[in-house]
Protein backbone atom coordinates (compact mmCIF):
# COMPACT_ATOMS: atom_id res chain seq x y z
CA UNK A 1 -32.35 -16.78 -19.42
CA UNK A 2 -29.32 -17.91 -17.44
CA UNK A 3 -29.37 -17.42 -13.69
CA UNK A 4 -26.41 -15.76 -12.00
CA UNK A 5 -24.50 -18.30 -9.94
CA UNK A 6 -23.38 -17.05 -6.56
CA UNK A 7 -20.15 -18.18 -4.99
CA UNK A 8 -20.30 -20.09 -1.75
CA UNK A 9 -19.79 -18.11 1.42
CA UNK A 10 -16.43 -18.36 3.11
CA UNK A 11 -16.64 -18.41 6.90
CA UNK A 12 -12.98 -18.55 7.90
CA UNK A 13 -9.59 -17.53 6.61
CA UNK A 14 -6.22 -19.08 7.42
CA UNK A 15 -3.36 -16.97 8.74
CA UNK A 16 -1.44 -17.62 5.50
CA UNK A 17 -4.34 -16.33 3.39
CA UNK A 18 -4.71 -13.34 5.68
CA UNK A 19 -1.00 -12.50 5.45
CA UNK A 20 -1.14 -12.84 1.65
CA UNK A 21 -4.07 -10.40 1.57
CA UNK A 22 -2.34 -8.07 4.04
CA UNK A 23 0.80 -8.04 1.90
CA UNK A 24 -1.14 -7.27 -1.30
CA UNK A 25 -3.10 -4.43 0.29
CA UNK A 26 0.00 -3.02 2.00
CA UNK A 27 2.01 -3.10 -1.26
CA UNK A 28 -0.85 -1.40 -3.10
CA UNK A 29 -0.98 1.40 -0.54
CA UNK A 30 2.79 1.84 -0.04
CA UNK A 31 3.66 1.73 -3.75
CA UNK A 32 1.32 4.66 -4.40
CA UNK A 33 2.92 6.68 -1.59
CA UNK A 34 -0.33 6.63 0.38
CA UNK A 35 1.07 4.99 3.52
CA UNK A 36 0.50 7.88 5.95
CA UNK A 37 -3.05 8.42 4.71
CA UNK A 38 -3.74 4.68 4.65
CA UNK A 39 -2.45 4.14 8.18
CA UNK A 40 -4.41 7.15 9.42
CA UNK A 41 -7.61 5.85 7.81
CA UNK A 42 -7.14 2.32 9.13
CA UNK A 43 -6.31 3.53 12.63
CA UNK A 44 -9.24 5.94 12.72
CA UNK A 45 -11.68 3.26 11.58
CA UNK A 46 -10.11 0.58 13.77
CA UNK A 47 -12.95 0.51 16.33
CA UNK A 48 -15.42 -0.12 13.50
CA UNK A 49 -13.53 -2.90 11.72
CA UNK A 50 -15.96 -5.68 12.68
CA UNK A 51 -18.95 -3.57 11.65
CA UNK A 52 -17.21 -2.79 8.36
CA UNK A 53 -16.64 -6.48 7.79
CA UNK A 54 -20.33 -7.21 8.35
CA UNK A 55 -21.31 -4.33 6.06
CA UNK A 56 -19.14 -5.86 3.35
CA UNK A 57 -21.07 -9.12 3.69
CA UNK A 58 -24.33 -7.19 3.48
CA UNK A 59 -23.15 -5.70 0.16
CA UNK A 60 -21.79 -9.03 -1.14
CA UNK A 61 -24.60 -9.73 -3.65
CA UNK A 62 -23.94 -6.37 -5.31
CA UNK A 63 -20.16 -6.60 -4.96
CA UNK A 64 -20.13 -9.95 -6.80
CA UNK A 65 -21.04 -8.03 -9.93
CA UNK A 66 -17.81 -6.03 -9.78
CA UNK A 67 -15.35 -7.98 -7.61
CA UNK A 68 -14.18 -11.56 -7.38
CA UNK A 69 -16.40 -13.00 -4.65
CA UNK A 70 -13.69 -15.11 -2.99
CA UNK A 71 -11.20 -12.24 -2.75
CA UNK A 72 -13.91 -9.89 -1.52
CA UNK A 73 -14.96 -12.34 1.21
CA UNK A 74 -11.34 -13.03 2.18
CA UNK A 75 -10.80 -9.29 2.59
CA UNK A 76 -13.95 -8.97 4.70
CA UNK A 77 -12.77 -11.84 6.92
CA UNK A 78 -9.30 -10.34 7.15
CA UNK A 79 -10.53 -6.95 8.41
CA UNK A 80 -12.82 -8.62 10.93
CA UNK A 81 -9.83 -9.74 13.03
CA UNK A 82 -8.12 -7.16 15.23
CA UNK A 83 -4.73 -8.86 14.90
CA UNK A 84 -4.93 -8.66 11.10
CA UNK A 85 -5.65 -4.93 11.24
CA UNK A 86 -2.55 -4.43 13.40
CA UNK A 87 -0.50 -6.56 11.00
CA UNK A 88 -1.77 -4.53 8.04
CA UNK A 89 -0.72 -1.24 9.64
CA UNK A 90 2.67 -2.71 10.55
CA UNK A 91 3.22 -4.08 7.03
CA UNK A 92 2.26 -0.78 5.38
CA UNK A 93 4.74 1.01 7.65
CA UNK A 94 7.50 -1.52 6.86
CA UNK A 95 7.00 -1.28 3.11
CA UNK A 96 6.78 2.51 3.22
CA UNK A 97 10.05 2.70 5.15
CA UNK A 98 11.70 0.35 2.67
CA UNK A 99 10.48 2.32 -0.34
CA UNK A 100 11.39 5.66 1.26
CA UNK A 101 14.90 4.40 2.03
CA UNK A 102 15.36 3.61 -1.66
CA UNK A 103 13.89 6.98 -2.71
CA UNK A 104 16.15 8.85 -0.27
CA UNK A 105 19.22 7.02 -1.61
CA UNK A 106 18.23 7.88 -5.20
CA UNK A 107 17.61 11.52 -4.27
CA UNK A 108 20.96 11.72 -2.49
CA UNK A 109 22.72 10.31 -5.56
CA UNK A 110 20.93 12.81 -7.83
CA UNK A 111 21.95 15.62 -5.48
CA UNK A 112 25.59 14.55 -5.59
CA UNK A 113 25.50 14.40 -9.40
CA UNK A 114 23.92 17.85 -9.60
CA UNK A 115 26.48 19.26 -7.20
CA UNK A 116 29.32 17.77 -9.24
CA UNK A 117 27.86 19.20 -12.46
CA UNK A 118 27.68 22.67 -10.89
CA UNK A 119 31.29 22.38 -9.66
CA UNK A 120 32.45 21.31 -13.13
CA UNK A 121 30.57 24.19 -14.75
CA UNK A 122 31.94 26.77 -12.29
CA UNK A 123 35.49 25.52 -12.65
CA UNK A 124 35.13 25.53 -16.44
CA UNK A 125 33.87 29.14 -16.39
CA UNK A 126 36.68 30.36 -14.13
CA UNK A 127 39.38 28.47 -16.08
CA UNK A 128 38.25 30.20 -19.26
CA UNK A 129 38.38 33.64 -17.54
CA UNK A 130 41.93 33.06 -16.29
CA UNK A 131 43.13 32.09 -19.80
CA UNK A 132 41.87 35.39 -21.28
């Protein structure tokens, strides 16, 4: 019977690793159009972020079954820091604004096309009536 090998515990995270994790989480949330809900959840749980981080470490032996231990620990370390929580909220907001800008531009273009199609149809109908 083979024993399960546990990963070593990570006790610190660099700012680069934290920003990489922040960017991944923010992109995940913003791309699914969950930015307002995500920001609301993060802001409402903000006072408990260090407790949440410790709870994640408590659940680590069970989480290793499902998640990659290193990524899980990096996330727990990332949410422990207040500055990283603020950066996460800011990054989600930035990405959401960027994606919404693109969506608004696409919707505006679709609206213009629809309007032009209606104009063409109306002018075609009235031209045919005048010929009769």
